[in-house]
């Protein structure tokens, strides 16, 4: 693929035509290996693409920088990365002959902010989006061109004791997507900033509504 992103690609164990795909977007300071274990149970019949953020941020990478504090991305960088991820998905669809009706994005932390923004600008081109411990940037909600999302669904999860990203940020995103007629699943857990075992179980259940999994 002709892409500026470094990424990992896991082809499905069972080969076929027009297969589903899951795209993974990691959090601040992590890398493309971080989220793979979350969706391993879908690797039998799904393509899995995990992107590395383009910006170095110890001990790993980031998808964007922020002007003052996390929660306020630098707009010009965020816009560029968001467009880059959208182009990556479009190119992957062509390169690997993916099922365009079965495309999913899963993001954590910064990756969740990108994933939610991507869901909004791509609309029904994405069947599902999972945003774990993230938020929707204010400028994205107010200024981005929004596509119809009536055939798209989104899973938003958050820790009740998340002091990195307040739970109110997730609640704001839930209201936003509900207003646009998206099928929203919102789950909270008595944890901090992370993915608990219960969160993982619910994420897998969300994806397994449509996708084949080895856990069935």
Protein backbone atom coordinates (compact mmCIF):
# COMPACT_ATOMS: atom_id res chain seq x y z
CA UNK A 1 0.00 0.00 0.00
CA UNK A 2 1.11 3.53 -0.76
CA UNK A 3 0.65 5.05 2.68
CA UNK A 4 2.72 7.25 5.02
CA UNK A 5 1.60 5.16 7.99
CA UNK A 6 3.61 2.37 9.54
CA UNK A 7 1.14 -0.42 10.23
CA UNK A 8 0.68 -4.10 10.98
CA UNK A 9 -1.62 -6.24 8.88
CA UNK A 10 -2.93 -9.62 9.97
CA UNK A 11 -4.63 -11.46 7.13
CA UNK A 12 -7.53 -13.75 8.10
CA UNK A 13 -6.62 -17.34 8.84
CA UNK A 14 -9.48 -18.48 6.60
CA UNK A 15 -9.10 -16.89 3.18
CA UNK A 16 -12.10 -15.64 1.24
CA UNK A 17 -13.38 -12.78 -0.89
CA UNK A 18 -14.93 -9.56 0.37
CA UNK A 19 -13.96 -10.20 3.99
CA UNK A 20 -14.54 -7.76 6.90
CA UNK A 21 -11.81 -5.57 8.34
CA UNK A 22 -10.99 -3.98 11.70
CA UNK A 23 -8.75 -0.91 11.88
CA UNK A 24 -6.97 -0.22 15.20
CA UNK A 25 -5.81 3.18 16.50
CA UNK A 26 -3.67 3.16 19.65
CA UNK A 27 -3.38 5.67 22.48
CA UNK A 28 -0.82 8.34 23.40
CA UNK A 29 2.69 6.97 23.84
CA UNK A 30 1.85 3.50 22.56
CA UNK A 31 2.33 1.79 19.19
CA UNK A 32 0.74 -0.41 16.55
CA UNK A 33 1.21 -3.58 18.62
CA UNK A 34 -0.83 -2.37 21.57
CA UNK A 35 -4.45 -3.15 20.66
CA UNK A 36 -4.02 -6.33 18.64
CA UNK A 37 -4.91 -8.62 21.54
CA UNK A 38 -8.31 -6.91 21.93
CA UNK A 39 -9.56 -8.24 18.61
CA UNK A 40 -7.58 -11.46 18.27
CA UNK A 41 -10.77 -13.54 18.46
CA UNK A 42 -11.83 -12.04 15.10
CA UNK A 43 -8.64 -12.93 13.24
CA UNK A 44 -9.98 -16.13 11.71
CA UNK A 45 -12.08 -14.38 9.05
CA UNK A 46 -11.29 -10.66 9.41
CA UNK A 47 -8.44 -8.53 8.14
CA UNK A 48 -6.90 -6.56 11.00
CA UNK A 49 -4.92 -3.39 10.36
CA UNK A 50 -3.19 -1.62 13.24
CA UNK A 51 -1.78 1.82 12.50
CA UNK A 52 1.13 3.50 14.27
CA UNK A 53 0.72 7.18 15.06
CA UNK A 54 3.04 9.34 12.93
CA UNK A 55 4.41 11.45 15.81
CA UNK A 56 7.06 10.26 18.25
CA UNK A 57 5.94 10.46 21.87
CA UNK A 58 7.92 8.46 24.42
CA UNK A 59 7.80 5.57 24.93
CA UNK A 60 5.93 5.20 21.63
CA UNK A 61 3.93 7.38 19.27
CA UNK A 62 0.96 9.73 18.99
CA UNK A 63 -1.64 10.51 16.35
CA UNK A 64 -1.68 14.23 17.13
CA UNK A 65 -0.24 16.92 19.37
CA UNK A 66 -2.26 19.24 21.57
CA UNK A 67 -2.12 23.00 21.93
CA UNK A 68 -2.60 23.34 25.69
CA UNK A 69 -3.67 20.02 27.16
CA UNK A 70 -5.03 16.66 26.13
CA UNK A 71 -8.58 17.08 24.94
CA UNK A 72 -7.62 20.07 22.79
CA UNK A 73 -5.78 18.75 19.72
CA UNK A 74 -3.86 21.05 17.42
CA UNK A 75 -6.40 21.39 14.64
CA UNK A 76 -4.09 21.43 11.61
CA UNK A 77 -2.31 18.24 12.71
CA UNK A 78 -5.52 16.46 13.69
CA UNK A 79 -7.13 17.33 10.35
CA UNK A 80 -4.16 15.97 8.42
CA UNK A 81 -3.99 12.71 10.36
CA UNK A 82 -7.74 12.17 10.15
CA UNK A 83 -7.67 12.54 6.38
CA UNK A 84 -4.69 10.20 6.27
CA UNK A 85 -6.54 7.48 8.17
CA UNK A 86 -9.60 7.90 5.95
CA UNK A 87 -7.38 7.49 2.87
CA UNK A 88 -5.70 4.44 4.44
CA UNK A 89 -9.05 2.72 4.86
CA UNK A 90 -10.10 3.51 1.29
CA UNK A 91 -6.81 2.18 -0.08
CA UNK A 92 -7.02 -0.97 2.06
CA UNK A 93 -10.52 -1.67 0.70
CA UNK A 94 -9.16 -1.65 -2.85
CA UNK A 95 -5.84 -3.38 -2.14
CA UNK A 96 -7.35 -6.29 -0.20
CA UNK A 97 -10.81 -6.40 -1.79
CA UNK A 98 -12.49 -5.84 1.59
CA UNK A 99 -16.21 -6.01 2.28
CA UNK A 100 -17.17 -2.32 2.18
CA UNK A 101 -20.25 -3.04 4.31
CA UNK A 102 -18.17 -4.58 7.11
CA UNK A 103 -15.55 -1.99 8.06
CA UNK A 104 -14.87 -1.30 11.75
CA UNK A 105 -12.59 1.11 13.61
CA UNK A 106 -11.46 0.55 17.20
CA UNK A 107 -9.55 3.26 19.06
CA UNK A 108 -8.27 3.86 22.57
CA UNK A 109 -7.39 7.25 24.14
CA UNK A 110 -6.11 9.41 21.25
CA UNK A 111 -7.13 6.66 18.88
CA UNK A 112 -10.69 6.91 20.21
CA UNK A 113 -10.76 10.65 19.48
CA UNK A 114 -9.66 9.96 15.91
CA UNK A 115 -12.10 7.04 15.61
CA UNK A 116 -15.12 9.11 16.68
CA UNK A 117 -14.20 11.94 14.33
CA UNK A 118 -13.71 9.42 11.54
CA UNK A 119 -17.13 7.90 12.24
CA UNK A 120 -18.68 11.32 11.79
CA UNK A 121 -16.98 12.26 8.51
CA UNK A 122 -17.29 8.77 6.97
CA UNK A 123 -20.83 8.09 8.15
CA UNK A 124 -22.32 4.90 6.77
CA UNK A 125 -19.05 3.94 5.07
CA UNK A 126 -18.17 2.52 8.49
CA UNK A 127 -20.42 -0.19 9.83
CA UNK A 128 -19.09 0.17 13.37
CA UNK A 129 -16.82 2.25 15.57
CA UNK A 130 -15.57 1.49 19.08
CA UNK A 131 -14.21 4.38 21.14
CA UNK A 132 -12.52 3.25 24.36
CA UNK A 133 -11.70 5.93 26.95
CA UNK A 134 -11.76 8.78 24.45
CA UNK A 135 -13.66 11.90 23.45
CA UNK A 136 -14.90 13.82 20.43
CA UNK A 137 -12.92 17.06 19.90
CA UNK A 138 -15.07 20.16 20.15
CA UNK A 139 -14.02 21.52 16.76
CA UNK A 140 -14.89 18.19 15.14
CA UNK A 141 -18.39 18.20 16.62
CA UNK A 142 -19.00 21.84 15.67
CA UNK A 143 -17.22 22.29 12.35
CA UNK A 144 -16.66 19.02 10.51
CA UNK A 145 -18.91 18.04 7.62
CA UNK A 146 -21.17 15.29 8.94
CA UNK A 147 -22.33 12.29 6.94
CA UNK A 148 -25.51 10.25 7.46
CA UNK A 149 -24.99 7.64 10.17
CA UNK A 150 -28.31 5.79 10.27
CA UNK A 151 -26.71 2.51 9.14
CA UNK A 152 -23.65 2.91 11.37
CA UNK A 153 -23.24 1.99 15.02
CA UNK A 154 -20.86 3.11 17.74
CA UNK A 155 -19.68 1.62 21.03
CA UNK A 156 -18.44 4.18 23.57
CA UNK A 157 -16.91 2.98 26.84
CA UNK A 158 -15.32 4.85 29.72
CA UNK A 159 -14.01 4.40 33.23
CA UNK A 160 -16.03 6.04 35.98
CA UNK A 161 -12.80 7.07 37.72
CA UNK A 162 -10.93 8.21 34.62
CA UNK A 163 -8.95 11.28 35.69
CA UNK A 164 -7.13 11.57 32.35
CA UNK A 165 -10.27 11.97 30.26
CA UNK A 166 -13.28 12.91 32.44
CA UNK A 167 -16.33 10.74 31.92
CA UNK A 168 -18.29 13.87 30.99
CA UNK A 169 -16.34 13.93 27.71
CA UNK A 170 -17.70 10.50 26.84
CA UNK A 171 -21.22 11.52 27.83
CA UNK A 172 -20.96 14.52 25.50
CA UNK A 173 -20.01 12.22 22.61
CA UNK A 174 -22.92 9.90 23.41
CA UNK A 175 -25.37 12.81 23.20
CA UNK A 176 -23.80 13.99 19.96
CA UNK A 177 -24.09 10.64 18.20
CA UNK A 178 -27.59 10.02 19.53
CA UNK A 179 -28.65 13.36 18.05
CA UNK A 180 -27.42 12.20 14.65
CA UNK A 181 -29.45 9.03 14.71
CA UNK A 182 -26.54 6.67 15.25
CA UNK A 183 -27.05 3.37 17.04
CA UNK A 184 -25.09 4.12 20.25
CA UNK A 185 -24.03 1.62 22.92
CA UNK A 186 -22.61 3.35 26.00
CA UNK A 187 -20.94 1.41 28.81
CA UNK A 188 -19.14 2.60 31.95
CA UNK A 189 -16.97 0.63 34.38
CA UNK A 190 -15.70 1.23 37.94
CA UNK A 191 -12.11 1.72 36.76
CA UNK A 192 -9.71 4.47 35.74
CA UNK A 193 -8.21 5.12 32.31
CA UNK A 194 -7.93 1.70 30.71
CA UNK A 195 -9.72 -1.33 29.33
CA UNK A 196 -11.03 -3.68 32.00
CA UNK A 197 -11.94 -7.32 31.42
CA UNK A 198 -15.63 -6.35 31.45
CA UNK A 199 -14.93 -3.62 28.90
CA UNK A 200 -13.16 -6.11 26.65
CA UNK A 201 -16.07 -8.53 26.95
CA UNK A 202 -18.53 -5.84 25.89
CA UNK A 203 -16.30 -4.70 23.02
CA UNK A 204 -16.12 -8.25 21.68
CA UNK A 205 -19.91 -8.60 22.01
CA UNK A 206 -20.40 -5.34 20.09
CA UNK A 207 -18.22 -6.51 17.20
CA UNK A 208 -19.58 -10.07 17.31
CA UNK A 209 -23.09 -8.79 16.52
CA UNK A 210 -21.88 -8.70 12.91
CA UNK A 211 -18.48 -10.37 12.73
CA UNK A 212 -17.49 -14.02 13.02
CA UNK A 213 -15.46 -14.78 16.13
CA UNK A 214 -13.67 -17.81 17.47
CA UNK A 215 -15.51 -17.28 20.77
CA UNK A 216 -18.87 -18.25 19.25
